[in-house]
Structures are given as structure tokens and as C-alpha cells.
N, C-alpha and C. Protein backbone atom coordinates (compact mmCIF):
# COMPACT_ATOMS: atom_id res chain seq x y z
N GLY A 1 57.60 18.35 -18.46
CA GLY A 1 57.00 19.31 -17.60
C GLY A 1 57.52 19.18 -16.19
N VAL A 2 57.13 20.11 -15.40
CA VAL A 2 57.54 20.15 -14.00
C VAL A 2 56.61 19.26 -13.18
N VAL A 3 57.21 18.46 -12.33
CA VAL A 3 56.46 17.58 -11.45
C VAL A 3 56.74 17.99 -10.01
N ASN A 4 55.70 18.11 -9.24
CA ASN A 4 55.84 18.43 -7.83
C ASN A 4 55.34 17.23 -7.04
N ALA A 5 56.22 16.26 -6.85
CA ALA A 5 55.85 15.04 -6.13
C ALA A 5 55.73 15.34 -4.64
N LEU A 6 54.62 14.89 -4.06
CA LEU A 6 54.40 15.09 -2.64
C LEU A 6 54.43 13.74 -1.94
N PHE A 7 55.15 13.69 -0.83
CA PHE A 7 55.23 12.45 -0.07
C PHE A 7 53.93 12.15 0.64
N ASP A 8 53.29 13.17 1.16
CA ASP A 8 52.05 13.00 1.92
C ASP A 8 51.04 14.03 1.41
N PHE A 9 49.89 13.55 0.95
CA PHE A 9 48.89 14.44 0.37
C PHE A 9 47.50 14.07 0.86
N PRO A 10 47.20 14.37 2.13
CA PRO A 10 45.90 13.98 2.69
C PRO A 10 44.72 14.73 2.05
N GLN A 11 44.98 15.85 1.38
CA GLN A 11 43.90 16.61 0.77
C GLN A 11 43.16 15.78 -0.28
N PHE A 12 43.87 14.88 -0.96
CA PHE A 12 43.21 14.03 -1.95
C PHE A 12 42.18 13.14 -1.27
N ASP A 13 42.57 12.48 -0.19
CA ASP A 13 41.64 11.62 0.54
C ASP A 13 40.47 12.41 1.09
N THR A 14 40.73 13.60 1.56
CA THR A 14 39.68 14.46 2.08
C THR A 14 38.70 14.84 0.96
N ALA A 15 39.22 15.14 -0.22
CA ALA A 15 38.37 15.49 -1.36
C ALA A 15 37.51 14.31 -1.78
N VAL A 16 38.09 13.11 -1.81
CA VAL A 16 37.32 11.90 -2.17
C VAL A 16 36.23 11.67 -1.14
N HIS A 17 36.58 11.76 0.13
CA HIS A 17 35.60 11.54 1.20
C HIS A 17 34.47 12.55 1.12
N GLY A 18 34.80 13.80 0.80
CA GLY A 18 33.78 14.84 0.70
C GLY A 18 32.87 14.69 -0.51
N ALA A 19 33.32 13.93 -1.50
CA ALA A 19 32.55 13.78 -2.74
C ALA A 19 31.55 12.63 -2.70
N ILE A 20 31.64 11.80 -1.68
CA ILE A 20 30.73 10.65 -1.59
C ILE A 20 29.79 10.82 -0.40
N ASP A 21 28.65 10.16 -0.48
CA ASP A 21 27.71 10.27 0.63
C ASP A 21 28.10 9.33 1.76
N THR A 22 27.42 9.46 2.87
CA THR A 22 27.74 8.70 4.08
C THR A 22 27.64 7.19 3.87
N SER A 23 26.60 6.74 3.18
CA SER A 23 26.44 5.29 2.99
C SER A 23 27.57 4.73 2.13
N CYS A 24 28.01 5.49 1.14
CA CYS A 24 29.12 5.05 0.30
C CYS A 24 30.42 5.01 1.11
N ALA A 25 30.64 6.04 1.92
CA ALA A 25 31.84 6.08 2.76
C ALA A 25 31.87 4.90 3.73
N MET A 26 30.71 4.58 4.29
CA MET A 26 30.63 3.44 5.22
C MET A 26 30.91 2.13 4.49
N ALA A 27 30.40 1.98 3.28
CA ALA A 27 30.64 0.77 2.50
C ALA A 27 32.12 0.63 2.15
N LEU A 28 32.75 1.73 1.76
CA LEU A 28 34.18 1.70 1.44
C LEU A 28 35.01 1.34 2.66
N HIS A 29 34.63 1.89 3.81
CA HIS A 29 35.33 1.56 5.05
C HIS A 29 35.17 0.07 5.37
N GLN A 30 33.98 -0.45 5.18
CA GLN A 30 33.72 -1.87 5.45
C GLN A 30 34.55 -2.75 4.51
N ILE A 31 34.62 -2.37 3.24
CA ILE A 31 35.40 -3.15 2.27
C ILE A 31 36.88 -3.12 2.61
N THR A 32 37.42 -1.93 2.90
CA THR A 32 38.85 -1.86 3.21
C THR A 32 39.17 -2.59 4.51
N SER A 33 38.26 -2.57 5.47
CA SER A 33 38.46 -3.33 6.71
C SER A 33 38.49 -4.82 6.43
N GLU A 34 37.60 -5.28 5.55
CA GLU A 34 37.57 -6.70 5.18
C GLU A 34 38.86 -7.10 4.46
N VAL A 35 39.32 -6.26 3.56
CA VAL A 35 40.59 -6.53 2.86
C VAL A 35 41.72 -6.63 3.87
N ASP A 36 41.81 -5.66 4.79
CA ASP A 36 42.84 -5.70 5.82
C ASP A 36 42.76 -6.96 6.67
N ASP A 37 41.55 -7.33 7.08
CA ASP A 37 41.38 -8.53 7.89
C ASP A 37 41.86 -9.77 7.15
N ARG A 38 41.52 -9.88 5.87
CA ARG A 38 41.93 -11.06 5.11
C ARG A 38 43.42 -11.07 4.83
N LEU A 39 44.02 -9.90 4.66
CA LEU A 39 45.46 -9.85 4.42
C LEU A 39 46.26 -10.24 5.66
N LYS A 40 45.68 -10.07 6.83
CA LYS A 40 46.37 -10.43 8.08
C LYS A 40 46.49 -11.94 8.25
N LEU A 41 45.64 -12.68 7.55
CA LEU A 41 45.67 -14.14 7.62
C LEU A 41 46.50 -14.67 6.45
N ALA A 42 47.39 -15.59 6.71
CA ALA A 42 48.33 -16.05 5.68
C ALA A 42 47.64 -16.63 4.45
N HIS A 43 46.86 -17.66 4.61
CA HIS A 43 46.27 -18.33 3.44
C HIS A 43 45.16 -17.51 2.77
N PRO A 44 44.20 -16.96 3.53
CA PRO A 44 43.16 -16.15 2.88
C PRO A 44 43.69 -14.91 2.17
N ALA A 45 44.87 -14.41 2.57
CA ALA A 45 45.43 -13.25 1.89
C ALA A 45 45.68 -13.57 0.42
N ALA A 46 46.18 -14.76 0.17
CA ALA A 46 46.40 -15.17 -1.21
C ALA A 46 45.07 -15.27 -1.94
N ASN A 47 44.05 -15.75 -1.26
CA ASN A 47 42.74 -15.89 -1.88
C ASN A 47 42.13 -14.54 -2.26
N ILE A 48 42.26 -13.54 -1.39
CA ILE A 48 41.66 -12.25 -1.72
C ILE A 48 42.39 -11.60 -2.88
N LYS A 49 43.69 -11.78 -2.95
CA LYS A 49 44.44 -11.26 -4.10
C LYS A 49 43.98 -11.96 -5.37
N LYS A 50 43.78 -13.25 -5.28
CA LYS A 50 43.31 -14.03 -6.43
C LYS A 50 41.91 -13.57 -6.85
N MET A 51 41.05 -13.30 -5.86
CA MET A 51 39.69 -12.86 -6.13
C MET A 51 39.68 -11.56 -6.93
N PHE A 52 40.66 -10.69 -6.69
CA PHE A 52 40.77 -9.42 -7.40
C PHE A 52 41.58 -9.56 -8.69
N GLY A 53 42.13 -10.74 -8.94
CA GLY A 53 42.94 -10.94 -10.14
C GLY A 53 44.33 -10.34 -10.00
N ALA A 54 44.76 -10.11 -8.77
CA ALA A 54 46.08 -9.52 -8.52
C ALA A 54 47.14 -10.62 -8.52
N PRO A 55 48.32 -10.32 -9.03
CA PRO A 55 49.39 -11.32 -8.98
C PRO A 55 49.79 -11.61 -7.54
N GLN A 56 50.10 -12.86 -7.26
CA GLN A 56 50.41 -13.26 -5.89
C GLN A 56 51.70 -12.64 -5.37
N HIS A 57 52.60 -12.20 -6.28
CA HIS A 57 53.84 -11.58 -5.81
C HIS A 57 53.65 -10.12 -5.38
N LEU A 58 52.47 -9.57 -5.61
CA LEU A 58 52.16 -8.20 -5.20
C LEU A 58 52.18 -8.14 -3.68
N THR A 59 52.90 -7.18 -3.12
CA THR A 59 52.96 -7.08 -1.66
C THR A 59 51.59 -6.67 -1.11
N ASP A 60 51.37 -6.95 0.16
CA ASP A 60 50.11 -6.57 0.79
C ASP A 60 49.92 -5.05 0.76
N THR A 61 50.99 -4.31 0.97
CA THR A 61 50.91 -2.85 0.94
C THR A 61 50.50 -2.36 -0.44
N ASP A 62 51.14 -2.90 -1.48
CA ASP A 62 50.79 -2.50 -2.85
C ASP A 62 49.36 -2.91 -3.18
N PHE A 63 48.92 -4.05 -2.67
CA PHE A 63 47.55 -4.49 -2.91
C PHE A 63 46.56 -3.52 -2.25
N ARG A 64 46.89 -3.07 -1.04
CA ARG A 64 46.02 -2.09 -0.37
C ARG A 64 45.91 -0.81 -1.20
N TYR A 65 47.04 -0.36 -1.76
CA TYR A 65 47.01 0.83 -2.62
C TYR A 65 46.16 0.58 -3.86
N LEU A 66 46.26 -0.60 -4.43
CA LEU A 66 45.47 -0.95 -5.61
C LEU A 66 43.98 -0.84 -5.30
N VAL A 67 43.57 -1.41 -4.18
CA VAL A 67 42.15 -1.38 -3.80
C VAL A 67 41.70 0.06 -3.52
N ALA A 68 42.49 0.80 -2.77
CA ALA A 68 42.13 2.19 -2.45
C ALA A 68 42.06 3.05 -3.71
N ASP A 69 43.02 2.87 -4.61
CA ASP A 69 43.02 3.64 -5.86
C ASP A 69 41.82 3.30 -6.74
N ALA A 70 41.38 2.06 -6.70
CA ALA A 70 40.21 1.67 -7.49
C ALA A 70 38.99 2.47 -7.05
N PHE A 71 38.84 2.67 -5.76
CA PHE A 71 37.72 3.45 -5.24
C PHE A 71 37.87 4.93 -5.60
N SER A 72 39.04 5.45 -5.31
CA SER A 72 39.23 6.89 -5.48
C SER A 72 39.23 7.33 -6.94
N MET A 73 39.68 6.47 -7.84
CA MET A 73 39.67 6.83 -9.26
C MET A 73 38.24 7.00 -9.77
N GLY A 74 37.34 6.16 -9.32
CA GLY A 74 35.95 6.30 -9.71
C GLY A 74 35.38 7.64 -9.30
N VAL A 75 35.68 8.05 -8.07
CA VAL A 75 35.21 9.33 -7.57
C VAL A 75 35.91 10.47 -8.32
N GLN A 76 37.21 10.32 -8.50
CA GLN A 76 38.01 11.36 -9.15
C GLN A 76 37.51 11.64 -10.57
N TYR A 77 37.07 10.60 -11.26
CA TYR A 77 36.62 10.76 -12.65
C TYR A 77 35.10 10.79 -12.79
N GLY A 78 34.40 11.03 -11.68
CA GLY A 78 32.97 11.27 -11.71
C GLY A 78 32.09 10.06 -11.89
N HIS A 79 32.53 8.90 -11.42
CA HIS A 79 31.71 7.69 -11.56
C HIS A 79 31.28 7.17 -10.20
């Protein structure tokens, strides 16, 4: 089939944000901020990846995508 790959698609994030209530959005923001804070520190970054069961060779950027996708997939599929 035809694929229309988009480099930047903010409408998806907007749709996810619009589908959750304020308290959920605040909790997700708090979680992603905590993940970012821990990834900025050398040793705890490895610990947070381990806590999620992520392989240690996973880059910090890919780990951030993994965490963000975990949230958005739940919303996308109605959970």
C-alpha cells in the first residue's frame, strides 16, 4: 500500500492531549519530566531504563519515544 510518512505530525500529540482530562495530562507531564531528569544524570539514567525493562544500549532519545508511545498508545486504542 501507499505510505505517506510525515517527518513532523503535531496533530497526533494534540489529539492525544485533547482525549485526556487535565489531571491525566498533568500526571503524564510529571512522569515525562521525571524521566528527563533521571536521564540527565549518568548513573540514574541506567537505573530508570532498567526499571522499565529497557535494554541499556537503547539511546536516551529512543527511550523517551518508548515512554511517550506507551502513554499515547493507550489513549489511541481507548484505554
